[in-house]
Amino acid sequence: MKIIYWSDFNCPYSYMGYVQLKKAIRELKLDIELEMKAFEIEPNLDDEITPMINYYAGKYGIPESEAKSRLEEIDDIAKEEGLNIEYSNAKVTSSKDAHRLVKLAMSRNIPSLADSIIEKTYNAFLCENKPLAEKEVLIEIGTSQGLGKDEITEMLDSNRYEVEVQLDEEDAILNGVEAVPCYFIKNGSETLVIPGALSKEGFKNSLKDLKSGDIESKTFL
């Protein structure tokens, strides 16, 4: 069984879904290959650092007080699932370089390395409120998991893996993915599509149904 999923580090629901999916897989003791594909929910952002409350208010044309309230509601949802995120205090920037760092990790063909980089990147942005467009932040994430500082710096100073990120996003369009997270669970010739983050139990039920063949109520491509 393989799961291909589109997500973005700027999306708190992508992190929630990632954590709950991993819990479901562990509890079911399934051998599943995971592949993350890049999807920038804010592709026009650059390296300029903007407080999330200001950015959210401007994006949706609402007062900052209302933006703060909405963002704190997301924080509360995450905390109910055991994630101590502070999305309301995040510093939003482009996520492209973070996706490129994941591609660098994936090039090693060590699934645990890519997974640890993904986890660390989500945590850096959503829990520690570090701006993901800052080179030093990405170097810290990568080196903490065993990647070399020189190879990370060289990648960030070039356009390496930009094409791969773009291809992921074009692939999303071809597969009808318009928002993240979105999961494509492949089991043999069948593909179960789950748009949006589920609870741990929701993922467990979907995985069990797909494995057992009891999938009449599910969505397939």
Protein backbone atom coordinates (compact mmCIF):
# COMPACT_ATOMS: atom_id res chain seq x y z
CA MET A 1 0.00 0.00 0.00
CA LYS A 2 1.24 3.50 -0.85
CA ILE A 3 -0.06 6.92 0.12
CA ILE A 4 0.70 9.94 -2.04
CA TYR A 5 -0.40 13.13 -0.38
CA TRP A 6 -0.29 16.82 -1.26
CA SER A 7 0.29 19.22 1.61
CA ASP A 8 1.90 22.53 2.52
CA PHE A 9 3.85 23.67 5.54
CA ASN A 10 1.82 26.89 5.64
CA CYS A 11 -1.33 24.82 6.24
CA PRO A 12 -2.07 23.76 9.84
CA TYR A 13 -4.60 21.18 8.67
CA SER A 14 -1.87 19.51 6.61
CA TYR A 15 0.10 19.04 9.82
CA MET A 16 -2.92 17.78 11.74
CA GLY A 17 -3.68 15.28 8.99
CA TYR A 18 -0.05 14.18 8.78
CA VAL A 19 0.13 13.43 12.51
CA GLN A 20 -3.20 11.58 12.65
CA LEU A 21 -2.37 9.53 9.54
CA LYS A 22 0.97 8.46 11.02
CA LYS A 23 -0.77 7.46 14.27
CA ALA A 24 -3.31 5.40 12.33
CA ILE A 25 -0.61 3.61 10.38
CA ARG A 26 1.36 2.82 13.55
CA GLU A 27 -1.66 1.51 15.45
CA LEU A 28 -2.71 -0.70 12.54
CA LYS A 29 0.90 -1.87 12.11
CA LEU A 30 0.70 -1.38 8.36
CA ASP A 31 3.66 -1.30 6.01
CA ILE A 32 2.84 1.79 3.95
CA GLU A 33 5.06 3.90 1.72
CA LEU A 34 4.41 7.62 2.13
CA GLU A 35 5.24 10.21 -0.52
CA MET A 36 4.65 13.91 0.09
CA LYS A 37 4.01 16.16 -2.89
CA ALA A 38 4.39 19.92 -2.75
CA PHE A 39 1.38 22.24 -2.89
CA GLU A 40 1.93 25.91 -2.09
CA ILE A 41 -1.34 27.34 -0.78
CA GLU A 42 0.20 30.81 -1.03
CA PRO A 43 2.36 30.56 -4.19
CA ASN A 44 2.70 34.34 -4.54
CA LEU A 45 4.42 34.83 -1.19
CA ASP A 46 8.09 35.78 -1.15
CA ASP A 47 10.75 35.80 1.56
CA GLU A 48 9.24 38.81 3.33
CA ILE A 49 8.17 37.91 6.86
CA THR A 50 4.60 38.84 7.77
CA PRO A 51 2.87 38.14 11.09
CA MET A 52 0.08 35.65 10.45
CA ILE A 53 -2.60 37.84 12.01
CA ASN A 54 -1.76 40.74 9.68
CA TYR A 55 -1.55 38.48 6.66
CA TYR A 56 -4.81 36.68 7.45
CA ALA A 57 -6.67 39.94 8.03
CA GLY A 58 -5.45 41.34 4.72
CA LYS A 59 -6.18 38.17 2.78
CA TYR A 60 -9.78 37.90 3.94
CA GLY A 61 -10.49 41.61 4.37
CA ILE A 62 -11.39 41.37 8.04
CA PRO A 63 -10.28 43.30 11.16
CA GLU A 64 -7.16 41.99 12.88
CA SER A 65 -9.21 41.23 15.99
CA GLU A 66 -11.42 38.88 14.00
CA ALA A 67 -8.39 37.34 12.31
CA LYS A 68 -6.84 36.69 15.70
CA SER A 69 -10.01 35.01 16.91
CA ARG A 70 -10.24 32.76 13.84
CA LEU A 71 -6.59 31.76 14.05
CA GLU A 72 -6.86 30.98 17.74
CA GLU A 73 -9.80 28.69 16.95
CA ILE A 74 -7.46 26.72 14.67
CA ASP A 75 -4.90 26.57 17.50
CA ASP A 76 -7.60 25.16 19.80
CA ILE A 77 -8.61 22.50 17.26
CA ALA A 78 -4.99 21.39 16.99
CA LYS A 79 -4.56 21.30 20.76
CA GLU A 80 -7.59 19.02 21.03
CA GLU A 81 -5.63 16.60 18.85
CA GLY A 82 -2.53 16.88 21.00
CA LEU A 83 -0.62 19.36 18.85
CA ASN A 84 0.72 22.43 20.60
CA ILE A 85 0.66 24.70 17.57
CA GLU A 86 0.59 28.49 17.67
CA TYR A 87 -0.66 29.25 14.17
CA SER A 88 -1.94 32.63 15.37
CA ASN A 89 1.65 33.64 16.17
CA ALA A 90 3.24 32.24 13.02
CA LYS A 91 5.40 34.29 10.67
CA VAL A 92 4.23 33.56 7.16
CA THR A 93 6.59 33.43 4.16
CA SER A 94 6.96 31.39 1.00
CA SER A 95 7.13 27.64 1.62
CA LYS A 96 8.91 26.82 -1.64
CA ASP A 97 12.38 26.44 -0.11
CA ALA A 98 10.98 24.19 2.63
CA HIS A 99 9.51 21.95 -0.06
CA ARG A 100 12.88 21.96 -1.82
CA LEU A 101 14.54 20.82 1.41
CA VAL A 102 12.13 17.87 1.53
CA LYS A 103 13.04 17.01 -2.05
CA LEU A 104 16.71 17.02 -1.06
CA ALA A 105 15.93 14.61 1.77
CA MET A 106 13.86 12.40 -0.53
CA SER A 107 16.79 12.15 -2.94
CA ARG A 108 18.59 10.04 -0.33
CA ASN A 109 15.92 7.32 -0.71
CA ILE A 110 15.64 6.96 3.07
CA PRO A 111 11.94 7.30 3.96
CA SER A 112 12.63 7.93 7.65
CA LEU A 113 14.89 10.87 6.75
CA ALA A 114 12.23 12.55 4.62
CA ASP A 115 9.59 11.93 7.30
CA SER A 116 11.76 13.46 10.02
CA ILE A 117 12.48 16.54 7.88
CA ILE A 118 8.75 16.95 7.19
CA GLU A 119 7.90 16.66 10.89
CA LYS A 120 10.65 19.09 11.91
CA THR A 121 9.57 21.62 9.29
CA TYR A 122 5.94 21.61 10.39
CA ASN A 123 7.04 21.97 14.00
CA ALA A 124 9.43 24.82 13.23
CA PHE A 125 6.73 26.89 11.53
CA LEU A 126 3.59 26.02 13.48
CA CYS A 127 4.95 25.36 16.97
CA GLU A 128 8.18 27.36 17.16
CA ASN A 129 6.95 30.10 14.79
CA LYS A 130 10.15 30.21 12.75
CA PRO A 131 9.92 31.74 9.23
CA LEU A 132 10.49 28.99 6.68
CA ALA A 133 12.01 31.29 4.06
CA GLU A 134 15.01 31.98 6.29
CA LYS A 135 18.03 29.99 5.18
CA GLU A 136 19.29 29.51 8.73
CA VAL A 137 16.00 27.89 9.78
CA LEU A 138 16.11 25.33 6.98
CA ILE A 139 19.79 24.61 7.56
CA GLU A 140 19.05 23.97 11.23
CA ILE A 141 16.21 21.60 10.33
CA GLY A 142 18.26 19.69 7.77
CA THR A 143 21.46 19.36 9.76
CA SER A 144 19.55 18.23 12.86
CA GLN A 145 18.50 15.16 10.86
CA GLY A 146 21.86 14.40 9.30
CA LEU A 147 21.95 16.40 6.08
CA GLY A 148 25.15 18.31 5.46
CA LYS A 149 25.20 22.08 5.95
CA ASP A 150 27.14 22.62 2.72
CA GLU A 151 24.74 20.59 0.58
CA ILE A 152 21.73 22.40 2.06
CA THR A 153 23.33 25.79 1.51
CA GLU A 154 24.30 24.90 -2.04
CA MET A 155 20.73 23.78 -2.78
CA LEU A 156 19.17 26.91 -1.28
CA ASP A 157 21.53 29.18 -3.21
CA SER A 158 20.52 27.52 -6.48
CA ASN A 159 17.26 26.67 -8.21
CA ARG A 160 17.70 22.98 -7.50
CA TYR A 161 14.42 21.09 -7.04
CA GLU A 162 12.29 24.06 -8.13
CA VAL A 163 11.21 22.06 -11.18
CA GLU A 164 10.25 19.11 -8.98
CA VAL A 165 8.10 21.36 -6.79
CA GLN A 166 6.43 22.82 -9.86
CA LEU A 167 5.79 19.35 -11.29
CA ASP A 168 4.11 18.30 -8.04
CA GLU A 169 1.80 21.28 -8.27
CA GLU A 170 1.01 20.59 -11.92
CA ASP A 171 0.34 16.96 -10.99
CA ALA A 172 -2.13 18.19 -8.38
CA ILE A 173 -4.07 20.05 -11.06
CA LEU A 174 -4.13 16.98 -13.29
CA ASN A 175 -5.49 14.90 -10.41
CA GLY A 176 -8.16 17.42 -9.45
CA VAL A 177 -6.48 18.44 -6.20
CA GLU A 178 -7.58 22.00 -5.41
CA ALA A 179 -6.83 22.20 -1.69
CA VAL A 180 -4.66 20.50 0.89
CA PRO A 181 -4.25 18.18 2.52
CA CYS A 182 -5.37 15.55 0.02
CA TYR A 183 -4.48 11.86 0.21
CA PHE A 184 -4.38 9.26 -2.55
CA ILE A 185 -4.21 5.81 -0.96
CA LYS A 186 -3.17 3.17 -3.47
CA ASN A 187 -3.80 -0.52 -2.83
CA GLY A 188 -3.17 -2.63 -5.89
CA SER A 189 -5.27 -1.28 -8.75
CA GLU A 190 -7.53 0.76 -6.45
CA THR A 191 -7.05 4.34 -5.33
CA LEU A 192 -8.94 5.82 -2.41
CA VAL A 193 -9.02 9.62 -2.38
CA ILE A 194 -9.41 11.46 0.91
CA PRO A 195 -9.73 15.24 0.52
CA GLY A 196 -9.01 16.93 3.83
CA ALA A 197 -7.60 15.87 7.17
CA LEU A 198 -9.35 13.10 9.08
CA SER A 199 -9.13 12.12 12.72
CA LYS A 200 -6.93 9.18 13.64
CA GLU A 201 -9.99 6.93 13.79
CA GLY A 202 -11.18 8.24 10.44
CA PHE A 203 -7.89 7.32 8.81
CA LYS A 204 -7.88 3.94 10.55
CA ASN A 205 -11.35 3.10 9.29
CA SER A 206 -10.47 4.16 5.74
CA LEU A 207 -7.27 2.14 5.71
CA LYS A 208 -8.99 -0.94 7.15
CA ASP A 209 -11.86 -0.69 4.66
CA LEU A 210 -9.47 -0.34 1.74
CA LYS A 211 -7.37 -3.27 2.85
CA SER A 212 -10.40 -5.51 3.48
CA GLY A 213 -12.25 -4.52 0.31
CA ASP A 214 -15.16 -2.98 2.21
CA ILE A 215 -15.02 0.32 0.34
CA GLU A 216 -18.44 0.83 -1.23
CA SER A 217 -19.00 4.14 0.51
CA LYS A 218 -15.59 5.58 -0.36
CA THR A 219 -14.45 7.81 -3.21
CA PHE A 220 -12.34 6.35 -6.01
CA LEU A 221 -10.63 7.56 -9.16
